[in-house]
Amino acid sequence: MKHATTLLLLAATALARAEPIGSVDTAFKLIGPDHKIVVDAYDDPKVQGVACYVSRAKTGGIKGAIGLAEDKAEASIACRQVGPVTIKQPLPPQEEVFNERISLVFKRLRIVRMVDAQRNTLVYLTYSDRLIDGSPQNSITAVPVARETPIPVKK
């Protein structure tokens, strides 16, 4: 049981963490914070030199201030090489690198990394899901990696 708990904690800490970059107000709210679009950065925890930027709506007002608002299921992603790409261990062909709760119970924003080994490219997909029915809203971006740095893939 101790080993399972330790593995679960290690898996949770391996996920990327959001770093707020900025926001813009989109609608004034008399009481509580305004509705806004926020931009966060996420460094891929297993690929040094790649950062993803995600923009998404954040609901304001009283519900938004106390954490009861349900944010929109729409997000946009752009991942870029921000330094030399270093991959220290083989990557799974597909892996969730980040998830964040965007409503009280039902919805999470997720970022999944996929490896396109044939093109030596990392593909990142962002989407939100609902416990009940999922969401087709998604956005995708790709980071080509120089051929001199082949992406190691777990078999």
N, C-alpha and C. Protein backbone atom coordinates (compact mmCIF):
# COMPACT_ATOMS: atom_id res chain seq x y z
N MET A 1 0.82 -1.19 0.00
CA MET A 1 0.00 0.00 0.00
C MET A 1 0.86 1.26 0.00
N LYS A 2 1.98 1.23 0.77
CA LYS A 2 2.87 2.38 0.80
C LYS A 2 3.45 2.66 -0.57
N HIS A 3 3.79 1.58 -1.30
CA HIS A 3 4.39 1.74 -2.62
C HIS A 3 3.41 2.37 -3.59
N ALA A 4 2.15 1.97 -3.52
CA ALA A 4 1.12 2.54 -4.40
C ALA A 4 0.94 4.02 -4.12
N THR A 5 0.93 4.40 -2.85
CA THR A 5 0.79 5.81 -2.48
C THR A 5 1.98 6.61 -2.97
N THR A 6 3.18 6.07 -2.82
CA THR A 6 4.39 6.75 -3.28
C THR A 6 4.36 6.93 -4.79
N LEU A 7 3.97 5.89 -5.53
CA LEU A 7 3.88 6.00 -6.98
C LEU A 7 2.86 7.04 -7.41
N LEU A 8 1.72 7.08 -6.72
CA LEU A 8 0.69 8.06 -7.03
C LEU A 8 1.21 9.48 -6.80
N LEU A 9 1.92 9.70 -5.72
CA LEU A 9 2.48 11.02 -5.44
C LEU A 9 3.53 11.41 -6.48
N LEU A 10 4.37 10.46 -6.88
CA LEU A 10 5.37 10.74 -7.91
C LEU A 10 4.71 11.08 -9.24
N ALA A 11 3.65 10.37 -9.59
CA ALA A 11 2.94 10.65 -10.83
C ALA A 11 2.32 12.04 -10.79
N ALA A 12 1.76 12.42 -9.66
CA ALA A 12 1.14 13.74 -9.54
C ALA A 12 2.17 14.85 -9.65
N THR A 13 3.35 14.66 -9.07
CA THR A 13 4.36 15.70 -9.14
C THR A 13 5.04 15.75 -10.51
N ALA A 14 4.92 14.69 -11.30
CA ALA A 14 5.52 14.68 -12.64
C ALA A 14 4.73 15.53 -13.62
N LEU A 15 3.48 15.84 -13.32
CA LEU A 15 2.68 16.68 -14.21
C LEU A 15 3.19 18.11 -14.17
N ALA A 16 3.05 18.80 -15.29
CA ALA A 16 3.47 20.20 -15.37
C ALA A 16 2.60 21.07 -14.47
N ARG A 17 3.16 22.19 -14.07
CA ARG A 17 2.42 23.15 -13.25
C ARG A 17 2.24 24.44 -14.04
N ALA A 18 1.08 25.07 -13.85
CA ALA A 18 0.77 26.30 -14.57
C ALA A 18 1.54 27.47 -13.99
N GLU A 19 2.04 28.30 -14.88
CA GLU A 19 2.67 29.56 -14.48
C GLU A 19 1.87 30.68 -15.15
N PRO A 20 1.18 31.51 -14.37
CA PRO A 20 0.38 32.58 -14.98
C PRO A 20 1.27 33.56 -15.75
N ILE A 21 0.86 33.88 -16.97
CA ILE A 21 1.59 34.83 -17.81
C ILE A 21 0.86 36.17 -17.83
N GLY A 22 -0.46 36.15 -17.96
CA GLY A 22 -1.24 37.39 -17.99
C GLY A 22 -2.70 37.11 -18.24
N SER A 23 -3.48 38.17 -18.29
CA SER A 23 -4.92 38.03 -18.55
C SER A 23 -5.46 39.34 -19.10
N VAL A 24 -6.61 39.25 -19.75
CA VAL A 24 -7.33 40.44 -20.22
C VAL A 24 -8.78 40.30 -19.79
N ASP A 25 -9.36 41.41 -19.35
CA ASP A 25 -10.78 41.41 -18.98
C ASP A 25 -11.63 41.40 -20.24
N THR A 26 -12.70 40.61 -20.21
CA THR A 26 -13.59 40.53 -21.37
C THR A 26 -15.00 41.03 -21.07
N ALA A 27 -15.38 41.07 -19.80
CA ALA A 27 -16.71 41.57 -19.43
C ALA A 27 -16.65 42.09 -18.00
N PHE A 28 -17.18 43.28 -17.81
CA PHE A 28 -17.19 43.90 -16.49
C PHE A 28 -18.26 43.25 -15.62
N LYS A 29 -17.91 42.98 -14.38
CA LYS A 29 -18.87 42.47 -13.39
C LYS A 29 -18.88 43.46 -12.23
N LEU A 30 -20.07 43.93 -11.87
CA LEU A 30 -20.20 44.92 -10.80
C LEU A 30 -19.75 44.34 -9.46
N ILE A 31 -20.12 43.08 -9.21
CA ILE A 31 -19.72 42.41 -7.97
C ILE A 31 -18.84 41.23 -8.33
N GLY A 32 -17.67 41.16 -7.72
CA GLY A 32 -16.74 40.07 -7.99
C GLY A 32 -15.81 40.42 -9.14
N PRO A 33 -14.87 39.51 -9.44
CA PRO A 33 -13.91 39.78 -10.53
C PRO A 33 -14.60 39.76 -11.90
N ASP A 34 -13.99 40.46 -12.86
CA ASP A 34 -14.50 40.48 -14.23
C ASP A 34 -14.28 39.12 -14.89
N HIS A 35 -15.08 38.83 -15.95
CA HIS A 35 -14.78 37.68 -16.79
C HIS A 35 -13.47 38.01 -17.50
N LYS A 36 -12.65 36.99 -17.79
CA LYS A 36 -11.37 37.28 -18.43
C LYS A 36 -10.89 36.09 -19.24
N ILE A 37 -9.88 36.37 -20.03
CA ILE A 37 -9.11 35.32 -20.70
C ILE A 37 -7.76 35.30 -20.02
N VAL A 38 -7.35 34.13 -19.56
CA VAL A 38 -6.06 33.99 -18.89
C VAL A 38 -5.10 33.20 -19.79
N VAL A 39 -3.82 33.53 -19.67
CA VAL A 39 -2.78 32.82 -20.41
C VAL A 39 -1.81 32.25 -19.38
N ASP A 40 -1.61 30.93 -19.44
CA ASP A 40 -0.69 30.24 -18.55
C ASP A 40 0.37 29.53 -19.37
N ALA A 41 1.55 29.37 -18.78
CA ALA A 41 2.64 28.62 -19.42
C ALA A 41 2.85 27.32 -18.65
N TYR A 42 3.16 26.28 -19.39
CA TYR A 42 3.45 24.96 -18.82
C TYR A 42 4.73 24.45 -19.44
N ASP A 43 5.73 24.14 -18.62
CA ASP A 43 6.94 23.50 -19.12
C ASP A 43 6.70 22.00 -19.12
N ASP A 44 7.01 21.35 -20.23
CA ASP A 44 6.85 19.90 -20.30
C ASP A 44 7.81 19.28 -19.30
N PRO A 45 7.30 18.51 -18.33
CA PRO A 45 8.18 17.97 -17.29
C PRO A 45 9.19 16.94 -17.78
N LYS A 46 8.97 16.34 -18.95
CA LYS A 46 9.90 15.32 -19.45
C LYS A 46 10.67 15.76 -20.67
N VAL A 47 10.37 16.95 -21.19
CA VAL A 47 11.06 17.46 -22.37
C VAL A 47 11.58 18.85 -22.04
N GLN A 48 12.83 18.92 -21.65
CA GLN A 48 13.42 20.21 -21.34
C GLN A 48 13.55 21.01 -22.62
N GLY A 49 13.19 22.30 -22.57
CA GLY A 49 13.30 23.17 -23.73
C GLY A 49 12.01 23.36 -24.48
N VAL A 50 10.90 22.79 -23.99
CA VAL A 50 9.59 22.98 -24.63
C VAL A 50 8.62 23.56 -23.60
N ALA A 51 7.95 24.64 -23.99
CA ALA A 51 6.93 25.25 -23.14
C ALA A 51 5.64 25.37 -23.94
N CYS A 52 4.52 25.19 -23.26
CA CYS A 52 3.21 25.34 -23.88
C CYS A 52 2.49 26.51 -23.24
N TYR A 53 1.83 27.29 -24.07
CA TYR A 53 1.05 28.43 -23.62
C TYR A 53 -0.41 28.13 -23.91
N VAL A 54 -1.24 28.24 -22.89
CA VAL A 54 -2.67 27.93 -23.04
C VAL A 54 -3.47 29.16 -22.65
N SER A 55 -4.41 29.54 -23.51
CA SER A 55 -5.35 30.61 -23.17
C SER A 55 -6.72 29.98 -22.99
N ARG A 56 -7.45 30.51 -22.00
CA ARG A 56 -8.79 29.98 -21.74
C ARG A 56 -9.60 31.03 -21.01
N ALA A 57 -10.92 30.88 -21.09
CA ALA A 57 -11.83 31.79 -20.41
C ALA A 57 -11.89 31.47 -18.93
N LYS A 58 -12.01 32.51 -18.11
CA LYS A 58 -12.18 32.34 -16.67
C LYS A 58 -13.37 33.20 -16.26
N THR A 59 -14.36 32.53 -15.69
CA THR A 59 -15.60 33.19 -15.32
C THR A 59 -15.40 34.01 -14.05
N GLY A 60 -15.94 35.22 -14.07
CA GLY A 60 -15.86 36.11 -12.91
C GLY A 60 -17.16 36.14 -12.14
N GLY A 61 -17.46 37.30 -11.59
CA GLY A 61 -18.67 37.46 -10.80
C GLY A 61 -18.54 36.80 -9.44
N ILE A 62 -19.64 36.73 -8.73
CA ILE A 62 -19.63 36.16 -7.38
C ILE A 62 -19.25 34.68 -7.43
N LYS A 63 -19.87 33.93 -8.37
CA LYS A 63 -19.56 32.50 -8.47
C LYS A 63 -18.09 32.27 -8.79
N GLY A 64 -17.53 33.09 -9.68
CA GLY A 64 -16.12 32.96 -10.02
C GLY A 64 -15.22 33.27 -8.84
N ALA A 65 -15.63 34.26 -8.03
CA ALA A 65 -14.81 34.66 -6.88
C ALA A 65 -14.74 33.56 -5.82
N ILE A 66 -15.82 32.79 -5.67
CA ILE A 66 -15.82 31.76 -4.62
C ILE A 66 -15.57 30.35 -5.18
N GLY A 67 -15.27 30.28 -6.48
CA GLY A 67 -14.89 28.99 -7.06
C GLY A 67 -16.04 28.09 -7.47
N LEU A 68 -17.25 28.66 -7.61
CA LEU A 68 -18.40 27.84 -8.00
C LEU A 68 -18.77 27.97 -9.48
N ALA A 69 -18.14 28.91 -10.19
CA ALA A 69 -18.47 29.12 -11.60
C ALA A 69 -17.91 27.99 -12.45
N GLU A 70 -18.60 27.70 -13.53
CA GLU A 70 -18.11 26.71 -14.49
C GLU A 70 -17.52 27.46 -15.66
N ASP A 71 -16.20 27.35 -15.84
CA ASP A 71 -15.53 28.02 -16.95
C ASP A 71 -15.89 27.35 -18.26
N LYS A 72 -15.80 28.12 -19.35
CA LYS A 72 -16.07 27.59 -20.68
C LYS A 72 -15.11 26.44 -20.98
N ALA A 73 -15.52 25.55 -21.86
CA ALA A 73 -14.73 24.37 -22.21
C ALA A 73 -13.77 24.65 -23.36
N GLU A 74 -13.56 25.91 -23.70
CA GLU A 74 -12.73 26.26 -24.84
C GLU A 74 -11.34 26.70 -24.39
N ALA A 75 -10.33 26.23 -25.08
CA ALA A 75 -8.95 26.64 -24.79
C ALA A 75 -8.16 26.59 -26.09
N SER A 76 -7.08 27.36 -26.12
CA SER A 76 -6.18 27.37 -27.26
C SER A 76 -4.78 27.10 -26.75
N ILE A 77 -3.98 26.40 -27.54
CA ILE A 77 -2.62 26.03 -27.10
C ILE A 77 -1.61 26.36 -28.19
N ALA A 78 -0.43 26.80 -27.76
CA ALA A 78 0.71 27.00 -28.65
C ALA A 78 1.95 26.55 -27.88
N CYS A 79 2.63 25.53 -28.38
CA CYS A 79 3.85 25.05 -27.73
C CYS A 79 5.04 25.42 -28.61
N ARG A 80 6.13 25.81 -27.96
CA ARG A 80 7.31 26.26 -28.68
C ARG A 80 8.57 25.72 -28.04
N GLN A 81 9.60 25.61 -28.87
CA GLN A 81 10.92 25.29 -28.36
C GLN A 81 11.47 26.59 -27.78
N VAL A 82 11.81 26.57 -26.49
CA VAL A 82 12.28 27.77 -25.80
C VAL A 82 13.74 27.63 -25.36
N GLY A 83 14.37 26.54 -25.75
CA GLY A 83 15.76 26.28 -25.43
C GLY A 83 16.16 24.98 -26.09
N PRO A 84 17.38 24.52 -25.84
CA PRO A 84 17.79 23.24 -26.41
C PRO A 84 16.88 22.11 -25.91
N VAL A 85 16.40 21.27 -26.83
CA VAL A 85 15.51 20.17 -26.44
C VAL A 85 16.35 19.02 -25.90
N THR A 86 16.00 18.61 -24.68
CA THR A 86 16.67 17.49 -24.03
C THR A 86 15.61 16.54 -23.51
N ILE A 87 15.72 15.28 -23.91
CA ILE A 87 14.80 14.24 -23.45
C ILE A 87 15.64 13.17 -22.79
N LYS A 88 15.54 13.07 -21.46
CA LYS A 88 16.43 12.19 -20.70
C LYS A 88 16.00 10.74 -20.66
N GLN A 89 14.72 10.48 -20.92
CA GLN A 89 14.24 9.09 -20.89
C GLN A 89 13.22 8.90 -22.00
N PRO A 90 13.04 7.66 -22.47
CA PRO A 90 12.06 7.42 -23.52
C PRO A 90 10.65 7.89 -23.11
N LEU A 91 9.96 8.48 -24.06
CA LEU A 91 8.61 8.98 -23.82
C LEU A 91 7.58 7.95 -24.27
N PRO A 92 6.46 7.85 -23.55
CA PRO A 92 5.38 7.01 -24.07
C PRO A 92 4.83 7.64 -25.35
N PRO A 93 4.24 6.85 -26.23
CA PRO A 93 3.68 7.41 -27.47
C PRO A 93 2.63 8.50 -27.20
N GLN A 94 1.94 8.40 -26.06
CA GLN A 94 0.92 9.39 -25.69
C GLN A 94 0.88 9.48 -24.17
N GLU A 95 0.87 10.72 -23.65
CA GLU A 95 0.91 10.89 -22.20
C GLU A 95 0.28 12.23 -21.80
N GLU A 96 -0.54 12.20 -20.76
CA GLU A 96 -1.08 13.44 -20.22
C GLU A 96 0.02 14.13 -19.43
N VAL A 97 0.28 15.39 -19.76
CA VAL A 97 1.34 16.13 -19.07
C VAL A 97 0.80 17.17 -18.11
N PHE A 98 -0.49 17.48 -18.22
CA PHE A 98 -1.08 18.46 -17.31
C PHE A 98 -2.59 18.27 -17.26
N ASN A 99 -3.17 18.49 -16.08
CA ASN A 99 -4.63 18.61 -15.99
C ASN A 99 -4.95 19.54 -14.83
N GLU A 100 -6.03 20.29 -14.99
CA GLU A 100 -6.45 21.26 -13.99
C GLU A 100 -7.97 21.29 -13.93
N ARG A 101 -8.50 21.36 -12.74
CA ARG A 101 -9.95 21.46 -12.55
C ARG A 101 -10.41 22.85 -12.99
N ILE A 102 -11.44 22.91 -13.85
CA ILE A 102 -11.98 24.20 -14.28
C ILE A 102 -13.45 24.35 -13.94
N SER A 103 -13.99 23.44 -13.17
CA SER A 103 -15.29 23.63 -12.55
C SER A 103 -15.27 22.87 -11.24
N LEU A 104 -16.26 23.12 -10.40
CA LEU A 104 -16.26 22.57 -9.06
C LEU A 104 -16.11 21.05 -9.05
N VAL A 105 -16.82 20.35 -9.91
CA VAL A 105 -16.78 18.89 -9.87
C VAL A 105 -16.55 18.25 -11.23
N PHE A 106 -17.12 18.79 -12.27
CA PHE A 106 -17.30 18.02 -13.50
C PHE A 106 -16.27 18.21 -14.61
N LYS A 107 -15.49 19.25 -14.61
CA LYS A 107 -14.70 19.53 -15.81
C LYS A 107 -13.22 19.73 -15.49
N ARG A 108 -12.36 19.20 -16.37
CA ARG A 108 -10.91 19.37 -16.24
C ARG A 108 -10.34 19.82 -17.59
N LEU A 109 -9.34 20.68 -17.54
CA LEU A 109 -8.57 21.05 -18.72
C LEU A 109 -7.38 20.10 -18.76
N ARG A 110 -7.15 19.49 -19.91
CA ARG A 110 -6.07 18.50 -20.02
C ARG A 110 -5.14 18.86 -21.18
N ILE A 111 -3.86 18.55 -21.01
CA ILE A 111 -2.88 18.67 -22.08
C ILE A 111 -2.23 17.30 -22.23
N VAL A 112 -2.26 16.79 -23.45
CA VAL A 112 -1.70 15.47 -23.75
C VAL A 112 -0.59 15.65 -24.77
N ARG A 113 0.56 14.99 -24.52
CA ARG A 113 1.67 14.99 -25.47
C ARG A 113 1.62 13.69 -26.25
N MET A 114 1.75 13.78 -27.58
CA MET A 114 1.84 12.61 -28.44
C MET A 114 3.16 12.71 -29.21
N VAL A 115 3.76 11.58 -29.50
CA VAL A 115 5.02 11.56 -30.24
C VAL A 115 4.75 11.09 -31.66
N ASP A 116 5.09 11.94 -32.62
CA ASP A 116 5.06 11.57 -34.03
C ASP A 116 6.50 11.19 -34.39
N ALA A 117 6.84 9.93 -34.17
CA ALA A 117 8.23 9.47 -34.34
C ALA A 117 8.69 9.59 -35.80
N GLN A 118 7.80 9.36 -36.74
CA GLN A 118 8.17 9.41 -38.16
C GLN A 118 8.67 10.81 -38.54
N ARG A 119 8.06 11.84 -37.97
CA ARG A 119 8.44 13.22 -38.30
C ARG A 119 9.30 13.87 -37.22
N ASN A 120 9.64 13.09 -36.18
CA ASN A 120 10.44 13.58 -35.04
C ASN A 120 9.82 14.86 -34.47
N THR A 121 8.54 14.75 -34.17
CA THR A 121 7.76 15.91 -33.73
C THR A 121 6.96 15.55 -32.49
N LEU A 122 6.88 16.51 -31.57
CA LEU A 122 6.02 16.38 -30.40
C LEU A 122 4.72 17.13 -30.69
N VAL A 123 3.60 16.45 -30.49
CA VAL A 123 2.27 17.02 -30.75
C VAL A 123 1.58 17.19 -29.40
N TYR A 124 1.03 18.37 -29.17
CA TYR A 124 0.34 18.65 -27.91
C TYR A 124 -1.12 18.98 -28.21
N LEU A 125 -2.01 18.33 -27.47
CA LEU A 125 -3.46 18.50 -27.62
C LEU A 125 -4.01 19.01 -26.30
N THR A 126 -4.85 20.04 -26.36
CA THR A 126 -5.55 20.47 -25.16
C THR A 126 -7.04 20.30 -25.39
N TYR A 127 -7.73 19.86 -24.35
CA TYR A 127 -9.17 19.70 -24.41
C TYR A 127 -9.71 19.72 -22.99
N SER A 128 -11.01 19.88 -22.89
CA SER A 128 -11.62 19.76 -21.57
C SER A 128 -12.56 18.58 -21.61
N ASP A 129 -12.74 17.98 -20.46
CA ASP A 129 -13.68 16.87 -20.40
C ASP A 129 -14.67 17.11 -19.28
N ARG A 130 -15.77 16.47 -19.41
CA ARG A 130 -16.80 16.48 -18.39
C ARG A 130 -16.95 15.06 -17.91
N LEU A 131 -17.24 14.92 -16.66
CA LEU A 131 -17.46 13.59 -16.08
C LEU A 131 -18.55 12.86 -16.85
N ILE A 132 -19.53 13.61 -17.36
CA ILE A 132 -20.70 12.99 -17.98
C ILE A 132 -20.53 12.71 -19.46
N ASP A 133 -20.14 13.74 -20.26
CA ASP A 133 -20.20 13.50 -21.71
C ASP A 133 -19.00 14.00 -22.51
N GLY A 134 -17.95 14.48 -21.91
CA GLY A 134 -16.79 14.92 -22.67
C GLY A 134 -17.09 16.15 -23.51
N SER A 135 -16.08 16.73 -24.11
CA SER A 135 -16.24 17.93 -24.91
C SER A 135 -15.43 17.81 -26.19
N PRO A 136 -16.04 18.16 -27.33
CA PRO A 136 -15.28 18.11 -28.57
C PRO A 136 -14.36 19.32 -28.76
N GLN A 137 -14.49 20.34 -27.89
CA GLN A 137 -13.63 21.52 -28.01
C GLN A 137 -12.19 21.12 -27.76
N ASN A 138 -11.30 21.43 -28.71
CA ASN A 138 -9.90 21.06 -28.56
C ASN A 138 -9.03 21.98 -29.39
N SER A 139 -7.74 21.92 -29.11
CA SER A 139 -6.77 22.69 -29.86
C SER A 139 -5.48 21.88 -29.90
N ILE A 140 -4.73 22.02 -30.99
CA ILE A 140 -3.54 21.21 -31.18
C ILE A 140 -2.38 22.09 -31.66
N THR A 141 -1.17 21.68 -31.30
CA THR A 141 0.03 22.35 -31.75
C THR A 141 1.13 21.31 -31.87
N ALA A 142 2.17 21.62 -32.61
CA ALA A 142 3.27 20.67 -32.80
C ALA A 142 4.61 21.38 -32.66
N VAL A 143 5.58 20.65 -32.10
CA VAL A 143 6.94 21.16 -31.95
C VAL A 143 7.87 20.20 -32.67
N PRO A 144 8.36 20.59 -33.85
CA PRO A 144 9.32 19.72 -34.52
C PRO A 144 10.66 19.74 -33.78
N VAL A 145 11.27 18.59 -33.66
CA VAL A 145 12.56 18.47 -32.98
C VAL A 145 13.60 18.17 -34.05
N ALA A 146 14.74 18.83 -33.96
CA ALA A 146 15.81 18.64 -34.95
C ALA A 146 16.16 17.16 -35.08
N ARG A 147 16.45 16.73 -36.30
CA ARG A 147 16.78 15.32 -36.56
C ARG A 147 18.00 14.86 -35.78
N GLU A 148 18.87 15.78 -35.40
CA GLU A 148 20.06 15.42 -34.61
C GLU A 148 19.68 14.97 -33.21
N THR A 149 18.44 15.26 -32.80
CA THR A 149 17.94 14.87 -31.48
C THR A 149 16.73 13.95 -31.67
N PRO A 150 16.94 12.68 -31.99
CA PRO A 150 15.80 11.78 -32.17
C PRO A 150 15.03 11.64 -30.86
N ILE A 151 13.72 11.60 -30.98
CA ILE A 151 12.85 11.47 -29.80
C ILE A 151 12.82 9.99 -29.40
N PRO A 152 13.30 9.66 -28.19
CA PRO A 152 13.24 8.27 -27.76
C PRO A 152 11.80 7.92 -27.34
N VAL A 153 11.28 6.82 -27.87
CA VAL A 153 9.90 6.41 -27.59
C VAL A 153 9.91 5.06 -26.89
N LYS A 154 9.11 4.96 -25.82
CA LYS A 154 8.94 3.68 -25.11
C LYS A 154 8.23 2.73 -26.05
N LYS A 155 8.66 1.49 -26.03
CA LYS A 155 8.02 0.46 -26.87
C LYS A 155 6.98 -0.29 -26.07
